[in-house]
Amino acid sequence: MSEIIKEYANPVFASDVFDYGHEQDLIDFLSARPHKQRPDWVIGNFPYALSLECTLRALQVAKVGVASLCRLYFLQSNERYERLFSTQPPSFIGHFAERIAMYPGEWNPEQDGSLATYAWFVWIKPVDGESRNIFIPPGCRERLTKPEDRRLAERKFVEPLETEAAE
């Protein structure tokens, strides 16, 4: 994601807890000390098992907003409701109308979607307590994927550790 975001925003600080072979800092987002300069946005595809904690931390750190790409069933949890949605509902949730292809360590724009459904959960500060739902229409993948994006698909990814694959 960070490579594409760099086309629209500058500077972009990319980090991950695992080395996937990208130009990124290896940082555990949940235990890292805050940067001296807080980011405007925190945008992530957090590990599902840590998505609540990562989102709460992102809301503390980001000055303008947070965007988290999660499985749609991120909505279904008493704990997430109590700790997040009841007090800080997302400004909007962007549901993908079609299934998108998301597989660990690879990206192929021609690949059919996975069995899981995804949505962007977005908080724009100040969080006003009102949440809106939007649908990301079918065909966005084809319409928004640029020919030069293939460079991402051609990269060699480092296999994630077993603990991440289990999530």
N, C-alpha and C. Protein backbone atom coordinates (compact mmCIF):
# COMPACT_ATOMS: atom_id res chain seq x y z
N MET A 1 0.83 -1.20 0.00
CA MET A 1 0.00 0.00 0.00
C MET A 1 0.86 1.25 0.00
N SER A 2 1.96 1.21 0.73
CA SER A 2 2.76 2.42 0.87
C SER A 2 3.32 2.90 -0.47
N GLU A 3 3.65 1.97 -1.37
CA GLU A 3 4.18 2.37 -2.67
C GLU A 3 3.15 3.18 -3.46
N ILE A 4 1.91 2.77 -3.41
CA ILE A 4 0.86 3.49 -4.13
C ILE A 4 0.55 4.81 -3.43
N ILE A 5 0.52 4.81 -2.11
CA ILE A 5 0.24 6.04 -1.36
C ILE A 5 1.29 7.10 -1.65
N LYS A 6 2.54 6.67 -1.86
CA LYS A 6 3.62 7.62 -2.17
C LYS A 6 3.34 8.41 -3.45
N GLU A 7 2.51 7.88 -4.32
CA GLU A 7 2.16 8.59 -5.55
C GLU A 7 1.23 9.77 -5.26
N TYR A 8 0.62 9.79 -4.09
CA TYR A 8 -0.38 10.81 -3.76
C TYR A 8 -0.03 11.65 -2.53
N ALA A 9 0.90 11.19 -1.71
CA ALA A 9 1.23 11.90 -0.48
C ALA A 9 2.73 11.83 -0.24
N ASN A 10 3.23 12.85 0.41
CA ASN A 10 4.64 12.88 0.71
C ASN A 10 4.85 13.68 1.99
N PRO A 11 5.61 13.23 2.92
CA PRO A 11 6.33 11.96 2.95
C PRO A 11 5.44 10.82 3.41
N VAL A 12 5.86 9.61 3.11
CA VAL A 12 5.18 8.40 3.57
C VAL A 12 6.19 7.59 4.37
N PHE A 13 5.82 7.23 5.56
CA PHE A 13 6.65 6.39 6.42
C PHE A 13 6.02 5.01 6.43
N ALA A 14 6.73 4.02 5.90
CA ALA A 14 6.21 2.65 5.82
C ALA A 14 6.90 1.79 6.86
N SER A 15 6.11 0.99 7.56
CA SER A 15 6.68 0.08 8.54
C SER A 15 5.87 -1.20 8.60
N ASP A 16 6.49 -2.23 9.12
CA ASP A 16 5.82 -3.50 9.35
C ASP A 16 6.60 -4.24 10.42
N VAL A 17 5.97 -5.22 11.02
CA VAL A 17 6.65 -6.00 12.03
C VAL A 17 7.49 -7.10 11.38
N PHE A 18 7.21 -7.45 10.12
CA PHE A 18 7.95 -8.46 9.38
C PHE A 18 8.63 -7.83 8.17
N ASP A 19 9.74 -8.39 7.77
CA ASP A 19 10.46 -7.93 6.58
C ASP A 19 9.91 -8.68 5.36
N TYR A 20 9.14 -7.98 4.55
CA TYR A 20 8.58 -8.57 3.34
C TYR A 20 9.41 -8.22 2.11
N GLY A 21 10.58 -7.63 2.33
CA GLY A 21 11.44 -7.30 1.21
C GLY A 21 11.18 -5.94 0.61
N HIS A 22 10.37 -5.12 1.26
CA HIS A 22 10.10 -3.75 0.81
C HIS A 22 11.02 -2.80 1.54
N GLU A 23 11.06 -1.58 1.07
CA GLU A 23 11.81 -0.55 1.79
C GLU A 23 10.91 -0.04 2.92
N GLN A 24 11.06 -0.63 4.09
CA GLN A 24 10.23 -0.27 5.23
C GLN A 24 11.04 -0.47 6.50
N ASP A 25 10.67 0.25 7.53
CA ASP A 25 11.28 0.05 8.83
C ASP A 25 10.58 -1.10 9.53
N LEU A 26 11.34 -1.89 10.24
CA LEU A 26 10.76 -2.99 11.01
C LEU A 26 10.42 -2.47 12.40
N ILE A 27 9.12 -2.32 12.63
CA ILE A 27 8.64 -1.73 13.88
C ILE A 27 7.40 -2.48 14.33
N ASP A 28 7.32 -2.73 15.62
CA ASP A 28 6.10 -3.24 16.21
C ASP A 28 5.25 -2.03 16.57
N PHE A 29 4.22 -1.78 15.79
CA PHE A 29 3.40 -0.59 15.92
C PHE A 29 2.82 -0.43 17.33
N LEU A 30 2.48 -1.54 17.96
CA LEU A 30 1.84 -1.46 19.28
C LEU A 30 2.81 -1.11 20.40
N SER A 31 4.07 -1.42 20.25
CA SER A 31 5.01 -1.14 21.33
C SER A 31 6.02 -0.05 21.00
N ALA A 32 6.00 0.46 19.78
CA ALA A 32 6.96 1.48 19.37
C ALA A 32 6.70 2.80 20.09
N ARG A 33 7.77 3.50 20.35
CA ARG A 33 7.63 4.85 20.89
C ARG A 33 7.09 5.76 19.81
N PRO A 34 6.26 6.71 20.17
CA PRO A 34 5.72 7.62 19.16
C PRO A 34 6.83 8.46 18.53
N HIS A 35 6.65 8.77 17.25
CA HIS A 35 7.59 9.66 16.57
C HIS A 35 7.46 11.06 17.16
N LYS A 36 8.51 11.83 17.04
CA LYS A 36 8.46 13.21 17.52
C LYS A 36 7.39 13.99 16.78
N GLN A 37 7.27 13.71 15.49
CA GLN A 37 6.23 14.36 14.70
C GLN A 37 5.15 13.33 14.39
N ARG A 38 3.96 13.54 14.93
CA ARG A 38 2.86 12.61 14.71
C ARG A 38 2.44 12.65 13.24
N PRO A 39 2.07 11.51 12.68
CA PRO A 39 1.63 11.49 11.29
C PRO A 39 0.22 12.07 11.16
N ASP A 40 -0.06 12.63 9.99
CA ASP A 40 -1.43 13.09 9.72
C ASP A 40 -2.37 11.88 9.68
N TRP A 41 -1.97 10.86 8.96
CA TRP A 41 -2.80 9.66 8.78
C TRP A 41 -2.01 8.42 9.17
N VAL A 42 -2.72 7.43 9.69
CA VAL A 42 -2.20 6.08 9.82
C VAL A 42 -3.10 5.22 8.95
N ILE A 43 -2.51 4.57 7.98
CA ILE A 43 -3.25 3.73 7.04
C ILE A 43 -2.66 2.34 7.13
N GLY A 44 -3.50 1.35 7.35
CA GLY A 44 -2.94 0.02 7.53
C GLY A 44 -3.87 -1.12 7.18
N ASN A 45 -3.24 -2.25 6.99
CA ASN A 45 -3.92 -3.53 6.85
C ASN A 45 -3.35 -4.36 8.00
N PHE A 46 -3.86 -4.11 9.18
CA PHE A 46 -3.31 -4.70 10.40
C PHE A 46 -3.64 -6.18 10.47
N PRO A 47 -2.79 -6.97 11.16
CA PRO A 47 -3.13 -8.38 11.36
C PRO A 47 -4.48 -8.48 12.07
N TYR A 48 -5.34 -9.35 11.59
CA TYR A 48 -6.70 -9.39 12.11
C TYR A 48 -6.75 -9.58 13.62
N ALA A 49 -5.90 -10.45 14.15
CA ALA A 49 -5.92 -10.70 15.59
C ALA A 49 -5.54 -9.47 16.41
N LEU A 50 -4.86 -8.51 15.79
CA LEU A 50 -4.42 -7.29 16.48
C LEU A 50 -5.13 -6.04 15.95
N SER A 51 -6.12 -6.22 15.11
CA SER A 51 -6.74 -5.07 14.45
C SER A 51 -7.38 -4.09 15.43
N LEU A 52 -7.99 -4.56 16.49
CA LEU A 52 -8.60 -3.65 17.46
C LEU A 52 -7.52 -2.82 18.16
N GLU A 53 -6.50 -3.49 18.67
CA GLU A 53 -5.43 -2.78 19.38
C GLU A 53 -4.71 -1.81 18.44
N CYS A 54 -4.44 -2.24 17.21
CA CYS A 54 -3.76 -1.37 16.25
C CYS A 54 -4.62 -0.16 15.90
N THR A 55 -5.91 -0.36 15.73
CA THR A 55 -6.80 0.76 15.40
C THR A 55 -6.88 1.75 16.55
N LEU A 56 -7.00 1.25 17.77
CA LEU A 56 -7.03 2.15 18.93
C LEU A 56 -5.74 2.95 19.04
N ARG A 57 -4.62 2.29 18.82
CA ARG A 57 -3.32 2.98 18.86
C ARG A 57 -3.24 4.01 17.73
N ALA A 58 -3.67 3.64 16.54
CA ALA A 58 -3.64 4.56 15.40
C ALA A 58 -4.47 5.81 15.68
N LEU A 59 -5.61 5.63 16.32
CA LEU A 59 -6.45 6.78 16.66
C LEU A 59 -5.76 7.71 17.66
N GLN A 60 -4.93 7.17 18.51
CA GLN A 60 -4.17 8.00 19.45
C GLN A 60 -3.05 8.76 18.73
N VAL A 61 -2.44 8.13 17.76
CA VAL A 61 -1.24 8.66 17.10
C VAL A 61 -1.56 9.65 15.98
N ALA A 62 -2.53 9.34 15.15
CA ALA A 62 -2.80 10.14 13.95
C ALA A 62 -3.42 11.49 14.29
N LYS A 63 -3.00 12.51 13.56
CA LYS A 63 -3.55 13.86 13.77
C LYS A 63 -4.86 14.05 13.00
N VAL A 64 -4.94 13.53 11.77
CA VAL A 64 -6.09 13.79 10.91
C VAL A 64 -7.03 12.61 10.81
N GLY A 65 -6.49 11.41 10.61
CA GLY A 65 -7.38 10.28 10.45
C GLY A 65 -6.69 8.94 10.41
N VAL A 66 -7.52 7.91 10.39
CA VAL A 66 -7.08 6.53 10.35
C VAL A 66 -7.89 5.81 9.29
N ALA A 67 -7.21 5.00 8.49
CA ALA A 67 -7.89 4.15 7.51
C ALA A 67 -7.36 2.74 7.70
N SER A 68 -8.25 1.82 7.98
CA SER A 68 -7.86 0.44 8.23
C SER A 68 -8.62 -0.48 7.29
N LEU A 69 -7.87 -1.27 6.53
CA LEU A 69 -8.46 -2.25 5.64
C LEU A 69 -8.63 -3.54 6.43
N CYS A 70 -9.88 -3.93 6.65
CA CYS A 70 -10.17 -5.11 7.48
C CYS A 70 -11.21 -5.99 6.81
N ARG A 71 -11.24 -7.21 7.27
CA ARG A 71 -12.34 -8.09 6.87
C ARG A 71 -13.63 -7.46 7.40
N LEU A 72 -14.70 -7.66 6.68
CA LEU A 72 -15.97 -7.03 7.05
C LEU A 72 -16.45 -7.48 8.42
N TYR A 73 -16.12 -8.70 8.81
CA TYR A 73 -16.59 -9.13 10.12
C TYR A 73 -15.82 -8.48 11.27
N PHE A 74 -14.98 -7.50 10.98
CA PHE A 74 -14.40 -6.64 12.01
C PHE A 74 -15.53 -5.94 12.79
N LEU A 75 -16.67 -5.77 12.13
CA LEU A 75 -17.83 -5.15 12.77
C LEU A 75 -18.44 -6.02 13.87
N GLN A 76 -18.23 -7.32 13.81
CA GLN A 76 -18.94 -8.24 14.68
C GLN A 76 -18.10 -8.67 15.87
N SER A 77 -18.20 -7.92 16.95
CA SER A 77 -17.50 -8.30 18.17
C SER A 77 -17.99 -7.42 19.31
N ASN A 78 -18.36 -8.05 20.40
CA ASN A 78 -18.76 -7.28 21.58
C ASN A 78 -17.61 -6.41 22.06
N GLU A 79 -16.41 -6.97 22.08
CA GLU A 79 -15.25 -6.22 22.57
C GLU A 79 -14.96 -5.01 21.67
N ARG A 80 -14.97 -5.20 20.34
CA ARG A 80 -14.74 -4.06 19.45
C ARG A 80 -15.85 -3.02 19.60
N TYR A 81 -17.08 -3.48 19.79
CA TYR A 81 -18.16 -2.52 20.01
C TYR A 81 -17.90 -1.71 21.26
N GLU A 82 -17.62 -2.39 22.37
CA GLU A 82 -17.42 -1.70 23.65
C GLU A 82 -16.21 -0.77 23.64
N ARG A 83 -15.10 -1.24 23.09
CA ARG A 83 -13.85 -0.48 23.18
C ARG A 83 -13.66 0.53 22.05
N LEU A 84 -14.39 0.35 20.94
CA LEU A 84 -14.15 1.21 19.78
C LEU A 84 -15.42 1.81 19.20
N PHE A 85 -16.28 0.98 18.66
CA PHE A 85 -17.42 1.49 17.90
C PHE A 85 -18.43 2.27 18.73
N SER A 86 -18.62 1.92 20.00
CA SER A 86 -19.62 2.64 20.80
C SER A 86 -19.17 4.06 21.13
N THR A 87 -17.87 4.29 21.22
CA THR A 87 -17.35 5.61 21.59
C THR A 87 -16.70 6.35 20.43
N GLN A 88 -16.18 5.61 19.45
CA GLN A 88 -15.49 6.22 18.31
C GLN A 88 -15.91 5.51 17.01
N PRO A 89 -17.14 5.65 16.61
CA PRO A 89 -17.55 4.96 15.38
C PRO A 89 -16.79 5.54 14.18
N PRO A 90 -16.53 4.71 13.18
CA PRO A 90 -15.83 5.22 12.00
C PRO A 90 -16.64 6.32 11.33
N SER A 91 -15.94 7.26 10.72
CA SER A 91 -16.62 8.31 9.95
C SER A 91 -17.37 7.69 8.78
N PHE A 92 -16.74 6.70 8.17
CA PHE A 92 -17.45 5.92 7.16
C PHE A 92 -16.80 4.56 7.01
N ILE A 93 -17.58 3.64 6.47
CA ILE A 93 -17.11 2.30 6.16
C ILE A 93 -17.34 2.12 4.67
N GLY A 94 -16.28 1.83 3.95
CA GLY A 94 -16.37 1.60 2.50
C GLY A 94 -16.34 0.12 2.21
N HIS A 95 -17.53 -0.44 1.94
CA HIS A 95 -17.66 -1.87 1.65
C HIS A 95 -17.29 -2.12 0.19
N PHE A 96 -16.48 -3.13 -0.05
CA PHE A 96 -16.23 -3.54 -1.43
C PHE A 96 -17.42 -4.37 -1.89
N ALA A 97 -18.06 -3.98 -2.97
CA ALA A 97 -19.21 -4.72 -3.49
C ALA A 97 -18.78 -6.05 -4.10
N GLU A 98 -17.53 -6.10 -4.58
CA GLU A 98 -17.01 -7.36 -5.10
C GLU A 98 -15.90 -7.84 -4.19
N ARG A 99 -15.65 -9.11 -4.23
CA ARG A 99 -14.57 -9.65 -3.39
C ARG A 99 -13.24 -9.28 -4.02
N ILE A 100 -12.31 -8.89 -3.17
CA ILE A 100 -11.00 -8.49 -3.68
C ILE A 100 -9.98 -9.59 -3.35
N ALA A 101 -9.00 -9.72 -4.21
CA ALA A 101 -7.99 -10.75 -4.04
C ALA A 101 -6.94 -10.27 -3.03
N MET A 102 -6.91 -10.91 -1.90
CA MET A 102 -5.91 -10.59 -0.88
C MET A 102 -5.37 -11.89 -0.33
N TYR A 103 -4.12 -12.15 -0.67
CA TYR A 103 -3.46 -13.36 -0.22
C TYR A 103 -2.11 -12.99 0.36
N PRO A 104 -1.66 -13.65 1.43
CA PRO A 104 -0.39 -13.28 2.07
C PRO A 104 0.78 -13.35 1.10
N GLY A 105 1.54 -12.26 1.04
CA GLY A 105 2.78 -12.24 0.29
C GLY A 105 2.66 -12.15 -1.21
N GLU A 106 1.47 -11.90 -1.75
CA GLU A 106 1.37 -11.79 -3.20
C GLU A 106 0.28 -10.81 -3.60
N TRP A 107 0.40 -10.33 -4.82
CA TRP A 107 -0.62 -9.46 -5.39
C TRP A 107 -0.69 -9.77 -6.87
N ASN A 108 -1.87 -10.05 -7.34
CA ASN A 108 -2.08 -10.34 -8.75
C ASN A 108 -3.39 -9.69 -9.14
N PRO A 109 -3.34 -8.62 -9.96
CA PRO A 109 -4.56 -7.91 -10.30
C PRO A 109 -5.58 -8.73 -11.08
N GLU A 110 -5.16 -9.83 -11.71
CA GLU A 110 -6.12 -10.66 -12.44
C GLU A 110 -6.73 -11.76 -11.60
N GLN A 111 -6.21 -11.95 -10.41
CA GLN A 111 -6.67 -13.03 -9.55
C GLN A 111 -8.09 -12.76 -9.07
N ASP A 112 -8.89 -13.81 -9.00
CA ASP A 112 -10.24 -13.67 -8.47
C ASP A 112 -10.18 -13.35 -6.99
N GLY A 113 -11.28 -12.82 -6.48
CA GLY A 113 -11.33 -12.43 -5.07
C GLY A 113 -11.25 -13.61 -4.13
N SER A 114 -10.90 -13.32 -2.91
CA SER A 114 -10.82 -14.35 -1.88
C SER A 114 -12.21 -14.63 -1.33
N LEU A 115 -12.28 -15.56 -0.41
CA LEU A 115 -13.56 -15.88 0.21
C LEU A 115 -13.98 -14.84 1.23
N ALA A 116 -13.03 -14.09 1.77
CA ALA A 116 -13.35 -13.06 2.77
C ALA A 116 -13.79 -11.78 2.07
N THR A 117 -14.64 -11.03 2.75
CA THR A 117 -15.05 -9.72 2.24
C THR A 117 -14.33 -8.65 3.04
N TYR A 118 -13.99 -7.55 2.38
CA TYR A 118 -13.20 -6.50 3.01
C TYR A 118 -13.91 -5.16 2.92
N ALA A 119 -13.49 -4.26 3.80
CA ALA A 119 -14.00 -2.89 3.80
C ALA A 119 -12.91 -1.98 4.35
N TRP A 120 -12.97 -0.72 3.95
CA TRP A 120 -12.14 0.30 4.56
C TRP A 120 -12.92 0.91 5.71
N PHE A 121 -12.33 0.90 6.89
CA PHE A 121 -12.90 1.55 8.07
C PHE A 121 -12.09 2.84 8.24
N VAL A 122 -12.77 3.98 8.15
CA VAL A 122 -12.07 5.27 8.13
C VAL A 122 -12.61 6.18 9.23
N TRP A 123 -11.70 6.74 9.99
CA TRP A 123 -12.01 7.71 11.03
C TRP A 123 -11.37 9.03 10.63
N ILE A 124 -12.16 10.08 10.55
CA ILE A 124 -11.64 11.42 10.30
C ILE A 124 -11.87 12.21 11.57
N LYS A 125 -10.81 12.82 12.07
CA LYS A 125 -10.89 13.54 13.34
C LYS A 125 -11.40 14.96 13.12
N PRO A 126 -12.14 15.51 14.05
CA PRO A 126 -12.60 14.83 15.26
C PRO A 126 -13.70 13.84 14.92
N VAL A 127 -13.68 12.72 15.62
CA VAL A 127 -14.71 11.70 15.41
C VAL A 127 -16.01 12.27 15.95
N ASP A 128 -17.02 12.39 15.06
CA ASP A 128 -18.25 13.10 15.45
C ASP A 128 -19.38 12.18 15.92
N GLY A 129 -19.12 10.88 15.98
CA GLY A 129 -20.14 9.97 16.47
C GLY A 129 -21.14 9.53 15.42
N GLU A 130 -20.99 10.04 14.20
CA GLU A 130 -21.91 9.67 13.13
C GLU A 130 -21.15 8.84 12.11
N SER A 131 -21.68 7.70 11.75
CA SER A 131 -21.02 6.80 10.82
C SER A 131 -21.84 6.66 9.56
N ARG A 132 -21.18 6.68 8.42
CA ARG A 132 -21.84 6.52 7.13
C ARG A 132 -21.28 5.28 6.43
N ASN A 133 -22.11 4.64 5.66
CA ASN A 133 -21.68 3.48 4.88
C ASN A 133 -21.70 3.85 3.41
N ILE A 134 -20.66 3.44 2.73
CA ILE A 134 -20.61 3.62 1.28
C ILE A 134 -20.26 2.28 0.66
N PHE A 135 -20.56 2.12 -0.60
CA PHE A 135 -20.20 0.90 -1.31
C PHE A 135 -19.18 1.24 -2.37
N ILE A 136 -18.12 0.46 -2.40
CA ILE A 136 -17.11 0.61 -3.44
C ILE A 136 -17.57 -0.29 -4.58
N PRO A 137 -17.97 0.30 -5.72
CA PRO A 137 -18.66 -0.47 -6.75
C PRO A 137 -17.77 -1.49 -7.45
N PRO A 138 -18.41 -2.50 -8.04
CA PRO A 138 -17.65 -3.47 -8.82
C PRO A 138 -16.88 -2.76 -9.94
N GLY A 139 -15.75 -3.34 -10.30
CA GLY A 139 -14.96 -2.80 -11.39
C GLY A 139 -13.87 -1.83 -10.95
N CYS A 140 -13.83 -1.49 -9.67
CA CYS A 140 -12.80 -0.55 -9.20
C CYS A 140 -11.40 -1.09 -9.40
N ARG A 141 -11.23 -2.38 -9.19
CA ARG A 141 -9.90 -2.97 -9.36
C ARG A 141 -9.41 -2.74 -10.79
N GLU A 142 -10.23 -3.04 -11.77
CA GLU A 142 -9.83 -2.85 -13.16
C GLU A 142 -9.65 -1.38 -13.49
N ARG A 143 -10.56 -0.56 -13.00
CA ARG A 143 -10.53 0.87 -13.33
C ARG A 143 -9.36 1.60 -12.68
N LEU A 144 -8.97 1.19 -11.47
CA LEU A 144 -7.95 1.91 -10.73
C LEU A 144 -6.55 1.31 -10.81
N THR A 145 -6.43 0.08 -11.29
CA THR A 145 -5.10 -0.52 -11.42
C THR A 145 -4.44 0.03 -12.67
N LYS A 146 -3.26 0.60 -12.48
CA LYS A 146 -2.51 1.18 -13.59
C LYS A 146 -1.51 0.16 -14.12
N PRO A 147 -1.15 0.23 -15.41
CA PRO A 147 -0.18 -0.74 -15.96
C PRO A 147 1.12 -0.80 -15.16
N GLU A 148 1.60 0.34 -14.67
CA GLU A 148 2.87 0.34 -13.92
C GLU A 148 2.74 -0.30 -12.54
N ASP A 149 1.51 -0.55 -12.09
CA ASP A 149 1.33 -1.22 -10.80
C ASP A 149 1.81 -2.67 -10.85
N ARG A 150 2.00 -3.20 -12.04
CA ARG A 150 2.48 -4.57 -12.18
C ARG A 150 3.83 -4.77 -11.51
N ARG A 151 4.58 -3.66 -11.34
CA ARG A 151 5.89 -3.78 -10.69
C ARG A 151 5.74 -4.35 -9.29
N LEU A 152 4.62 -4.09 -8.66
CA LEU A 152 4.38 -4.64 -7.32
C LEU A 152 4.19 -6.16 -7.39
N ALA A 153 3.50 -6.62 -8.40
CA ALA A 153 3.22 -8.05 -8.53
C ALA A 153 4.49 -8.82 -8.86
N GLU A 154 5.46 -8.17 -9.47
CA GLU A 154 6.68 -8.86 -9.87
C GLU A 154 7.72 -8.95 -8.77
N ARG A 155 7.52 -8.25 -7.66
CA ARG A 155 8.47 -8.31 -6.55
C ARG A 155 8.45 -9.68 -5.90
N LYS A 156 9.58 -10.05 -5.39
CA LYS A 156 9.68 -11.29 -4.63
C LYS A 156 9.39 -10.95 -3.17
N PHE A 157 8.41 -11.61 -2.61
CA PHE A 157 8.04 -11.37 -1.23
C PHE A 157 8.69 -12.40 -0.34
N VAL A 158 9.07 -11.98 0.84
CA VAL A 158 9.60 -12.88 1.85
C VAL A 158 8.41 -13.56 2.51
N GLU A 159 8.51 -14.85 2.73
CA GLU A 159 7.42 -15.57 3.36
C GLU A 159 7.21 -15.07 4.78
N PRO A 160 5.97 -14.84 5.21
CA PRO A 160 5.72 -14.43 6.59
C PRO A 160 6.04 -15.56 7.55
N LEU A 161 6.31 -15.19 8.79
CA LEU A 161 6.57 -16.19 9.81
C LEU A 161 5.32 -16.99 10.09
N GLU A 162 5.49 -18.18 10.65
CA GLU A 162 4.34 -19.05 10.93
C GLU A 162 3.30 -18.39 11.81
N THR A 163 3.73 -17.56 12.76
CA THR A 163 2.76 -16.96 13.67
C THR A 163 1.82 -16.03 12.93
N GLU A 164 2.34 -15.31 11.92
CA GLU A 164 1.47 -14.44 11.17
C GLU A 164 0.54 -15.23 10.26
N ALA A 165 1.05 -16.29 9.66
CA ALA A 165 0.24 -17.11 8.77
C ALA A 165 -0.95 -17.72 9.52
N ALA A 166 -0.77 -18.00 10.80
CA ALA A 166 -1.86 -18.57 11.59
C ALA A 166 -2.98 -17.59 11.86
N GLU A 167 -2.68 -16.29 11.78
CA GLU A 167 -3.73 -15.28 12.03
C GLU A 167 -4.61 -15.25 10.86
